[in-house]
Amino acid sequence: MQLPLRIWLAIAIALSIAWALAGGVWGYRLGERWNESAREDAVSRFYQCLNDETLGAGSEVCQERERDIELIRAYQWPAAALLGLAPLPLAWLAAYLAIGIARRRRREII
């Protein structure tokens, strides 16, 4: 028993919405981890600079490392968009190619 194409389309749309939501949440959490890791690394380098006897708080190197901390941006939203939305066009393209190949083979058989 074969399902009509409109049912397959409804299933694909539902799966796309579910992936966009689940992938977005997954990407957001992954971006949080990247952000925390980058910030911890930058803060650690900054404190190492401050504790260095030859550099000190007023040195140019320490000020540059402090600016690095301020430049760390949030990775949450770009990662959420990338993981939630980027696979969808590829999956739809693969589905259309599979449907096209199946229809061609069916025509050859008939």
N, C-alpha and C. Protein backbone atom coordinates (compact mmCIF):
# COMPACT_ATOMS: atom_id res chain seq x y z
N MET A 1 0.84 -1.18 0.00
CA MET A 1 0.00 0.00 0.00
C MET A 1 0.88 1.24 0.00
N GLN A 2 0.68 2.09 -0.97
CA GLN A 2 1.47 3.31 -1.08
C GLN A 2 0.67 4.50 -0.58
N LEU A 3 1.36 5.36 0.14
CA LEU A 3 0.72 6.58 0.61
C LEU A 3 0.72 7.62 -0.51
N PRO A 4 -0.33 8.42 -0.61
CA PRO A 4 -0.34 9.49 -1.61
C PRO A 4 0.76 10.51 -1.32
N LEU A 5 1.17 11.19 -2.37
CA LEU A 5 2.26 12.14 -2.27
C LEU A 5 1.96 13.27 -1.28
N ARG A 6 0.71 13.69 -1.19
CA ARG A 6 0.36 14.78 -0.26
C ARG A 6 0.55 14.36 1.19
N ILE A 7 0.37 13.08 1.49
CA ILE A 7 0.62 12.60 2.86
C ILE A 7 2.11 12.62 3.15
N TRP A 8 2.92 12.19 2.16
CA TRP A 8 4.37 12.25 2.33
C TRP A 8 4.83 13.69 2.52
N LEU A 9 4.20 14.61 1.78
CA LEU A 9 4.55 16.02 1.91
C LEU A 9 4.21 16.54 3.31
N ALA A 10 3.07 16.15 3.84
CA ALA A 10 2.69 16.57 5.19
C ALA A 10 3.66 16.00 6.22
N ILE A 11 4.06 14.76 6.04
CA ILE A 11 5.03 14.15 6.95
C ILE A 11 6.37 14.89 6.88
N ALA A 12 6.79 15.23 5.67
CA ALA A 12 8.07 15.93 5.49
C ALA A 12 8.02 17.32 6.12
N ILE A 13 6.91 18.01 5.98
CA ILE A 13 6.78 19.34 6.59
C ILE A 13 6.82 19.22 8.11
N ALA A 14 6.12 18.24 8.66
CA ALA A 14 6.13 18.04 10.11
C ALA A 14 7.54 17.71 10.61
N LEU A 15 8.26 16.85 9.89
CA LEU A 15 9.63 16.52 10.27
C LEU A 15 10.55 17.74 10.15
N SER A 16 10.34 18.58 9.14
CA SER A 16 11.14 19.78 8.98
C SER A 16 10.94 20.74 10.14
N ILE A 17 9.71 20.92 10.54
CA ILE A 17 9.42 21.80 11.68
C ILE A 17 10.03 21.23 12.96
N ALA A 18 9.89 19.91 13.15
CA ALA A 18 10.47 19.28 14.34
C ALA A 18 11.99 19.43 14.34
N TRP A 19 12.63 19.24 13.18
CA TRP A 19 14.09 19.39 13.11
C TRP A 19 14.50 20.83 13.37
N ALA A 20 13.77 21.78 12.81
CA ALA A 20 14.13 23.19 13.01
C ALA A 20 14.08 23.54 14.49
N LEU A 21 13.08 23.05 15.20
CA LEU A 21 12.98 23.33 16.63
C LEU A 21 14.05 22.60 17.43
N ALA A 22 14.16 21.29 17.20
CA ALA A 22 15.14 20.50 17.96
C ALA A 22 16.57 20.90 17.61
N GLY A 23 16.86 21.10 16.33
CA GLY A 23 18.19 21.52 15.92
C GLY A 23 18.53 22.91 16.42
N GLY A 24 17.53 23.78 16.48
CA GLY A 24 17.76 25.12 17.01
C GLY A 24 18.11 25.10 18.48
N VAL A 25 17.39 24.29 19.24
CA VAL A 25 17.69 24.17 20.68
C VAL A 25 19.07 23.55 20.87
N TRP A 26 19.36 22.52 20.10
CA TRP A 26 20.67 21.86 20.20
C TRP A 26 21.79 22.85 19.84
N GLY A 27 21.61 23.61 18.76
CA GLY A 27 22.61 24.58 18.36
C GLY A 27 22.78 25.69 19.39
N TYR A 28 21.68 26.13 19.99
CA TYR A 28 21.76 27.18 21.01
C TYR A 28 22.58 26.70 22.20
N ARG A 29 22.33 25.49 22.65
CA ARG A 29 23.09 24.95 23.79
C ARG A 29 24.56 24.72 23.43
N LEU A 30 24.80 24.27 22.23
CA LEU A 30 26.18 24.09 21.78
C LEU A 30 26.90 25.43 21.71
N GLY A 31 26.21 26.45 21.23
CA GLY A 31 26.78 27.79 21.18
C GLY A 31 27.08 28.34 22.56
N GLU A 32 26.22 28.02 23.54
CA GLU A 32 26.49 28.43 24.93
C GLU A 32 27.80 27.83 25.42
N ARG A 33 27.99 26.55 25.10
CA ARG A 33 29.23 25.90 25.54
C ARG A 33 30.45 26.52 24.87
N TRP A 34 30.34 26.82 23.58
CA TRP A 34 31.45 27.47 22.88
C TRP A 34 31.76 28.83 23.49
N ASN A 35 30.72 29.57 23.80
CA ASN A 35 30.87 30.89 24.37
C ASN A 35 31.55 30.82 25.74
N GLU A 36 31.10 29.89 26.58
CA GLU A 36 31.70 29.73 27.90
C GLU A 36 33.16 29.32 27.79
N SER A 37 33.46 28.41 26.89
CA SER A 37 34.83 27.94 26.72
C SER A 37 35.74 29.06 26.23
N ALA A 38 35.27 29.83 25.26
CA ALA A 38 36.08 30.93 24.74
C ALA A 38 36.30 32.00 25.81
N ARG A 39 35.27 32.30 26.56
CA ARG A 39 35.38 33.32 27.60
C ARG A 39 36.34 32.85 28.71
N GLU A 40 36.22 31.58 29.13
CA GLU A 40 37.11 31.06 30.16
C GLU A 40 38.56 31.10 29.70
N ASP A 41 38.80 30.77 28.45
CA ASP A 41 40.16 30.79 27.92
C ASP A 41 40.71 32.21 27.89
N ALA A 42 39.90 33.16 27.45
CA ALA A 42 40.36 34.56 27.39
C ALA A 42 40.60 35.14 28.78
N VAL A 43 39.73 34.82 29.72
CA VAL A 43 39.90 35.32 31.09
C VAL A 43 41.15 34.71 31.71
N SER A 44 41.38 33.43 31.45
CA SER A 44 42.57 32.77 31.99
C SER A 44 43.85 33.43 31.45
N ARG A 45 43.88 33.71 30.15
CA ARG A 45 45.06 34.38 29.58
C ARG A 45 45.22 35.79 30.14
N PHE A 46 44.11 36.48 30.40
CA PHE A 46 44.17 37.82 30.97
C PHE A 46 44.74 37.78 32.39
N TYR A 47 44.28 36.84 33.21
CA TYR A 47 44.79 36.74 34.58
C TYR A 47 46.24 36.31 34.62
N GLN A 48 46.64 35.46 33.68
CA GLN A 48 48.05 35.08 33.60
C GLN A 48 48.90 36.31 33.28
N CYS A 49 48.38 37.16 32.43
CA CYS A 49 49.09 38.39 32.08
C CYS A 49 49.20 39.30 33.29
N LEU A 50 48.11 39.44 34.06
CA LEU A 50 48.14 40.30 35.24
C LEU A 50 49.10 39.78 36.31
N ASN A 51 49.20 38.46 36.42
CA ASN A 51 50.07 37.86 37.43
C ASN A 51 51.54 37.85 37.02
N ASP A 52 51.80 38.08 35.76
CA ASP A 52 53.18 38.10 35.28
C ASP A 52 53.88 39.35 35.82
N GLU A 53 55.02 39.15 36.46
CA GLU A 53 55.73 40.25 37.10
C GLU A 53 56.29 41.26 36.09
N THR A 54 56.63 40.82 34.90
CA THR A 54 57.24 41.73 33.93
C THR A 54 56.21 42.57 33.18
N LEU A 55 54.94 42.13 33.16
CA LEU A 55 53.93 42.85 32.39
C LEU A 55 53.11 43.80 33.26
N GLY A 56 52.32 43.27 34.16
CA GLY A 56 51.51 44.10 35.04
C GLY A 56 50.23 44.58 34.39
N ALA A 57 49.43 45.28 35.19
CA ALA A 57 48.09 45.68 34.77
C ALA A 57 48.09 46.75 33.68
N GLY A 58 49.07 47.60 33.64
CA GLY A 58 49.07 48.70 32.68
C GLY A 58 49.73 48.38 31.36
N SER A 59 50.19 47.16 31.17
CA SER A 59 50.93 46.84 29.95
C SER A 59 49.99 46.73 28.75
N GLU A 60 50.57 46.92 27.60
CA GLU A 60 49.80 46.86 26.35
C GLU A 60 49.27 45.44 26.08
N VAL A 61 50.08 44.43 26.43
CA VAL A 61 49.66 43.05 26.22
C VAL A 61 48.43 42.72 27.05
N CYS A 62 48.42 43.15 28.31
CA CYS A 62 47.28 42.87 29.17
C CYS A 62 46.03 43.64 28.71
N GLN A 63 46.22 44.85 28.24
CA GLN A 63 45.08 45.61 27.73
C GLN A 63 44.51 44.96 26.48
N GLU A 64 45.37 44.39 25.65
CA GLU A 64 44.91 43.69 24.46
C GLU A 64 44.12 42.45 24.84
N ARG A 65 44.58 41.73 25.83
CA ARG A 65 43.86 40.53 26.28
C ARG A 65 42.52 40.90 26.93
N GLU A 66 42.47 42.05 27.58
CA GLU A 66 41.20 42.51 28.14
C GLU A 66 40.22 42.86 27.02
N ARG A 67 40.71 43.44 25.94
CA ARG A 67 39.86 43.74 24.79
C ARG A 67 39.36 42.45 24.14
N ASP A 68 40.21 41.41 24.16
CA ASP A 68 39.80 40.12 23.60
C ASP A 68 38.58 39.56 24.35
N ILE A 69 38.54 39.76 25.66
CA ILE A 69 37.40 39.29 26.45
C ILE A 69 36.14 40.01 26.02
N GLU A 70 36.24 41.31 25.80
CA GLU A 70 35.08 42.10 25.41
C GLU A 70 34.61 41.77 23.99
N LEU A 71 35.52 41.29 23.13
CA LEU A 71 35.16 40.99 21.74
C LEU A 71 34.49 39.63 21.57
N ILE A 72 34.55 38.80 22.59
CA ILE A 72 33.92 37.49 22.48
C ILE A 72 32.42 37.71 22.37
N ARG A 73 31.87 37.25 21.27
CA ARG A 73 30.45 37.47 21.05
C ARG A 73 29.68 36.19 21.33
N ALA A 74 28.41 36.34 21.41
CA ALA A 74 27.56 35.18 21.70
C ALA A 74 27.46 34.29 20.47
N TYR A 75 27.74 33.02 20.65
CA TYR A 75 27.65 32.05 19.56
C TYR A 75 26.31 31.34 19.55
N GLN A 76 25.43 31.64 20.50
CA GLN A 76 24.20 30.87 20.64
C GLN A 76 23.32 30.97 19.40
N TRP A 77 23.02 32.19 18.96
CA TRP A 77 22.06 32.34 17.87
C TRP A 77 22.61 31.90 16.52
N PRO A 78 23.86 32.20 16.18
CA PRO A 78 24.36 31.68 14.90
C PRO A 78 24.41 30.15 14.87
N ALA A 79 24.78 29.53 15.98
CA ALA A 79 24.81 28.07 16.02
C ALA A 79 23.40 27.49 15.94
N ALA A 80 22.45 28.14 16.59
CA ALA A 80 21.06 27.67 16.52
C ALA A 80 20.54 27.76 15.09
N ALA A 81 20.82 28.85 14.42
CA ALA A 81 20.36 29.00 13.04
C ALA A 81 21.04 27.99 12.11
N LEU A 82 22.34 27.78 12.33
CA LEU A 82 23.08 26.86 11.47
C LEU A 82 22.58 25.43 11.63
N LEU A 83 22.45 24.96 12.85
CA LEU A 83 22.03 23.57 13.06
C LEU A 83 20.54 23.37 12.85
N GLY A 84 19.75 24.41 13.09
CA GLY A 84 18.31 24.26 12.94
C GLY A 84 17.83 24.40 11.50
N LEU A 85 18.48 25.26 10.73
CA LEU A 85 17.95 25.57 9.40
C LEU A 85 18.80 25.08 8.23
N ALA A 86 20.09 24.98 8.40
CA ALA A 86 20.97 24.61 7.28
C ALA A 86 20.70 23.22 6.71
N PRO A 87 20.39 22.19 7.50
CA PRO A 87 20.16 20.88 6.91
C PRO A 87 18.85 20.76 6.13
N LEU A 88 17.90 21.66 6.36
CA LEU A 88 16.59 21.53 5.73
C LEU A 88 16.62 21.62 4.21
N PRO A 89 17.26 22.61 3.61
CA PRO A 89 17.29 22.63 2.14
C PRO A 89 17.99 21.41 1.54
N LEU A 90 19.01 20.92 2.22
CA LEU A 90 19.69 19.72 1.73
C LEU A 90 18.78 18.50 1.79
N ALA A 91 18.02 18.38 2.87
CA ALA A 91 17.10 17.25 3.00
C ALA A 91 15.98 17.32 1.96
N TRP A 92 15.44 18.53 1.73
CA TRP A 92 14.39 18.68 0.72
C TRP A 92 14.93 18.39 -0.68
N LEU A 93 16.14 18.84 -0.96
CA LEU A 93 16.74 18.55 -2.25
C LEU A 93 16.93 17.05 -2.45
N ALA A 94 17.41 16.38 -1.41
CA ALA A 94 17.59 14.93 -1.48
C ALA A 94 16.25 14.23 -1.70
N ALA A 95 15.21 14.70 -1.04
CA ALA A 95 13.89 14.09 -1.21
C ALA A 95 13.37 14.28 -2.64
N TYR A 96 13.52 15.48 -3.19
CA TYR A 96 13.07 15.72 -4.56
C TYR A 96 13.87 14.90 -5.56
N LEU A 97 15.16 14.76 -5.33
CA LEU A 97 15.97 13.91 -6.21
C LEU A 97 15.53 12.46 -6.12
N ALA A 98 15.25 11.97 -4.92
CA ALA A 98 14.78 10.59 -4.76
C ALA A 98 13.44 10.38 -5.45
N ILE A 99 12.55 11.34 -5.32
CA ILE A 99 11.24 11.23 -5.99
C ILE A 99 11.43 11.23 -7.51
N GLY A 100 12.29 12.12 -8.01
CA GLY A 100 12.55 12.16 -9.44
C GLY A 100 13.13 10.87 -9.98
N ILE A 101 14.07 10.29 -9.24
CA ILE A 101 14.68 9.02 -9.66
C ILE A 101 13.65 7.91 -9.63
N ALA A 102 12.81 7.87 -8.59
CA ALA A 102 11.78 6.84 -8.50
C ALA A 102 10.78 6.97 -9.64
N ARG A 103 10.39 8.18 -9.99
CA ARG A 103 9.44 8.37 -11.09
C ARG A 103 10.06 7.96 -12.42
N ARG A 104 11.33 8.25 -12.63
CA ARG A 104 11.99 7.85 -13.87
C ARG A 104 12.06 6.34 -14.00
N ARG A 105 12.40 5.70 -12.91
CA ARG A 105 12.48 4.24 -12.95
C ARG A 105 11.12 3.62 -13.19
N ARG A 106 10.11 4.22 -12.61
CA ARG A 106 8.75 3.71 -12.80
C ARG A 106 8.34 3.86 -14.27
N ARG A 107 8.72 4.98 -14.90
CA ARG A 107 8.41 5.18 -16.33
C ARG A 107 9.14 4.18 -17.21
N GLU A 108 10.37 3.86 -16.84
CA GLU A 108 11.15 2.90 -17.62
C GLU A 108 10.57 1.51 -17.53
N ILE A 109 10.01 1.18 -16.38
CA ILE A 109 9.43 -0.15 -16.18
C ILE A 109 8.14 -0.28 -17.00
N ILE A 110 7.37 0.79 -17.03
CA ILE A 110 6.08 0.74 -17.72
C ILE A 110 6.27 0.78 -19.18
